[in-house]
Amino acid sequence: MPHSVIEGHLDAKGLRFAIVASRFNSIITERLLAGALDALRRAGGSEQDITVVWVPGAWEMPVIALELAGSKRYDGIICLGAVIRGDTPHFDYVAGEAAKGLGQAAIQTGVPVAFAVLTTNTLEQAVDRAGAKHGNKGFDAAMTAIETAGLMRKLRAMK
């Protein structure tokens, strides 16, 4: 029985993205940002279609992502941060609420929100995921945002 397949592609041309980056742990988030920008450029995105918004930390990301997504000016939001476990339960609250809030922003607005808020036990693990041993999760999140935004555009055009 034949079936149809609908999928996104890694083509950022004509798509607009906001990148929400945390200043907290900026040694990591600056690397994630470089990776995300590299991915957008490689996929055909243009500088005028990319807005970078710096926030104090991961805790503040959901409200900013919701505002950006709700503006309808962006096809996708890419969130970059690093929450590194310490000696207190602060890590659990910040990481969990950031993840939950960013998911809610996507669902409430219908705008894809890519999640690259690293949650690691050590600084070394964060470095490994921001361009060292485990690739660059900022790059990966941007590619996810590109594909998902393109897919959303296709699905909306089918209505």
Protein backbone atom coordinates (compact mmCIF):
# COMPACT_ATOMS: atom_id res chain seq x y z
CA MET A 1 0.00 0.00 0.00
CA PRO A 2 1.57 3.33 -1.03
CA HIS A 3 2.06 5.99 1.57
CA SER A 4 3.23 9.58 1.57
CA VAL A 5 6.25 10.84 3.44
CA ILE A 6 6.58 14.38 4.70
CA GLU A 7 9.90 15.50 6.10
CA GLY A 8 11.95 18.59 6.64
CA HIS A 9 15.24 19.33 4.96
CA LEU A 10 18.41 21.03 6.09
CA ASP A 11 17.80 24.23 4.14
CA ALA A 12 17.70 27.47 6.16
CA LYS A 13 17.28 29.77 3.18
CA GLY A 14 14.38 32.13 3.83
CA LEU A 15 13.87 30.92 7.40
CA ARG A 16 14.23 33.27 10.37
CA PHE A 17 15.74 32.14 13.66
CA ALA A 18 16.22 33.59 17.11
CA ILE A 19 19.03 32.18 19.23
CA VAL A 20 18.58 32.52 22.98
CA ALA A 21 21.97 32.18 24.69
CA SER A 22 22.77 32.15 28.38
CA ARG A 23 25.53 34.42 29.71
CA PHE A 24 25.94 32.07 32.68
CA ASN A 25 28.73 29.61 31.81
CA SER A 26 29.57 31.79 28.81
CA ILE A 27 32.79 29.87 28.24
CA ILE A 28 30.48 27.08 27.08
CA THR A 29 27.59 29.02 25.56
CA GLU A 30 29.88 31.09 23.33
CA ARG A 31 31.11 27.83 21.79
CA LEU A 32 27.55 26.58 21.40
CA LEU A 33 26.63 29.87 19.72
CA ALA A 34 29.54 29.57 17.29
CA GLY A 35 28.34 26.08 16.40
CA ALA A 36 24.74 27.19 15.90
CA LEU A 37 25.75 30.11 13.69
CA ASP A 38 28.01 27.82 11.65
CA ALA A 39 25.13 25.38 11.08
CA LEU A 40 22.75 28.14 10.01
CA ARG A 41 25.28 29.57 7.56
CA ARG A 42 26.17 26.16 6.12
CA ALA A 43 22.47 25.46 5.55
CA GLY A 44 22.00 28.68 3.59
CA GLY A 45 20.77 30.97 6.36
CA SER A 46 21.58 34.66 6.11
CA GLU A 47 22.83 37.01 8.81
CA GLN A 48 19.79 39.30 8.54
CA ASP A 49 17.51 36.34 9.34
CA ILE A 50 19.29 35.52 12.63
CA THR A 51 18.76 37.34 15.92
CA VAL A 52 20.86 36.51 19.00
CA VAL A 53 19.31 37.31 22.37
CA TRP A 54 21.48 37.01 25.48
CA VAL A 55 19.77 36.13 28.76
CA PRO A 56 21.27 35.90 32.27
CA GLY A 57 20.87 32.12 32.57
CA ALA A 58 18.89 29.01 31.68
CA TRP A 59 16.14 29.93 34.15
CA GLU A 60 15.26 33.03 32.08
CA MET A 61 15.16 31.21 28.73
CA PRO A 62 11.54 30.00 28.73
CA VAL A 63 9.92 33.42 29.13
CA ILE A 64 12.18 34.93 26.47
CA ALA A 65 11.66 32.01 24.08
CA LEU A 66 7.89 32.32 24.59
CA GLU A 67 8.00 36.04 23.82
CA LEU A 68 10.12 35.52 20.70
CA ALA A 69 8.01 32.63 19.43
CA GLY A 70 4.81 34.54 20.15
CA SER A 71 6.02 37.47 18.06
CA LYS A 72 5.57 35.32 14.92
CA ARG A 73 8.76 36.88 13.53
CA TYR A 74 10.74 33.62 13.75
CA ASP A 75 10.40 30.19 12.19
CA GLY A 76 12.42 28.64 14.99
CA ILE A 77 14.06 29.39 18.32
CA ILE A 78 17.40 27.84 19.30
CA CYS A 79 18.17 27.80 23.03
CA LEU A 80 21.78 27.48 24.18
CA GLY A 81 22.95 27.12 27.76
CA ALA A 82 24.92 25.07 30.25
CA VAL A 83 23.80 23.96 33.68
CA ILE A 84 26.61 22.20 35.50
CA ARG A 85 25.85 20.14 38.60
CA GLY A 86 27.15 21.55 41.85
CA ASP A 87 26.88 20.55 45.47
CA THR A 88 23.25 21.70 45.87
CA PRO A 89 19.93 20.71 44.25
CA HIS A 90 19.90 24.03 42.34
CA PHE A 91 20.96 22.14 39.20
CA ASP A 92 17.84 19.96 39.25
CA TYR A 93 15.46 22.89 39.57
CA VAL A 94 17.08 25.06 36.92
CA ALA A 95 17.60 22.30 34.35
CA GLY A 96 14.15 20.80 34.84
CA GLU A 97 12.24 24.07 34.73
CA ALA A 98 14.20 25.30 31.70
CA ALA A 99 13.40 22.11 29.80
CA LYS A 100 9.74 22.16 30.80
CA GLY A 101 9.33 25.86 30.03
CA LEU A 102 10.98 25.66 26.63
CA GLY A 103 8.78 22.73 25.69
CA GLN A 104 5.71 24.69 26.74
CA ALA A 105 6.82 27.68 24.66
CA ALA A 106 6.95 25.48 21.56
CA ILE A 107 3.60 23.86 22.21
CA GLN A 108 1.81 27.12 23.08
CA THR A 109 3.04 28.95 19.99
CA GLY A 110 3.57 26.24 17.38
CA VAL A 111 7.08 27.55 16.78
CA PRO A 112 9.86 24.95 17.05
CA VAL A 113 12.16 25.48 20.04
CA ALA A 114 15.43 23.57 19.80
CA PHE A 115 16.99 22.61 23.13
CA ALA A 116 20.75 22.79 23.59
CA VAL A 117 20.91 23.50 27.29
CA LEU A 118 23.69 21.19 28.36
CA THR A 119 23.10 19.47 31.67
CA THR A 120 26.38 17.97 32.80
CA ASN A 121 28.08 16.86 35.98
CA THR A 122 31.37 18.63 35.22
CA LEU A 123 32.79 21.53 33.25
CA GLU A 124 34.87 19.04 31.26
CA GLN A 125 31.69 17.24 30.12
CA ALA A 126 30.22 20.56 29.02
CA VAL A 127 33.37 21.44 27.06
CA ASP A 128 33.23 18.02 25.38
CA ARG A 129 29.67 18.78 24.15
CA ALA A 130 30.47 22.33 23.07
CA GLY A 131 32.92 21.47 20.32
CA ALA A 132 35.35 18.92 21.73
CA LYS A 133 34.93 15.12 21.99
CA HIS A 134 31.16 14.93 21.52
CA GLY A 135 30.70 17.48 18.72
CA ASN A 136 28.93 20.78 19.18
CA LYS A 137 25.40 20.55 20.54
CA GLY A 138 24.76 24.14 19.41
CA PHE A 139 25.40 23.02 15.83
CA ASP A 140 23.13 20.01 16.35
CA ALA A 141 20.33 22.14 17.83
CA ALA A 142 20.48 24.57 14.90
CA MET A 143 20.23 21.69 12.43
CA THR A 144 17.23 20.36 14.35
CA ALA A 145 15.61 23.81 14.28
CA ILE A 146 16.21 24.15 10.53
CA GLU A 147 14.69 20.76 9.75
CA THR A 148 11.71 21.24 12.08
CA ALA A 149 10.99 24.79 10.89
CA GLY A 150 11.03 23.61 7.28
CA LEU A 151 8.73 20.73 8.16
CA MET A 152 6.30 23.08 9.94
CA ARG A 153 6.27 25.33 6.87
CA LYS A 154 5.40 22.34 4.67
CA LEU A 155 2.65 21.13 6.98
CA ARG A 156 1.08 24.58 7.19
CA ALA A 157 1.17 24.92 3.39
CA MET A 158 -0.88 21.71 3.12
CA LYS A 159 -3.87 23.19 4.98
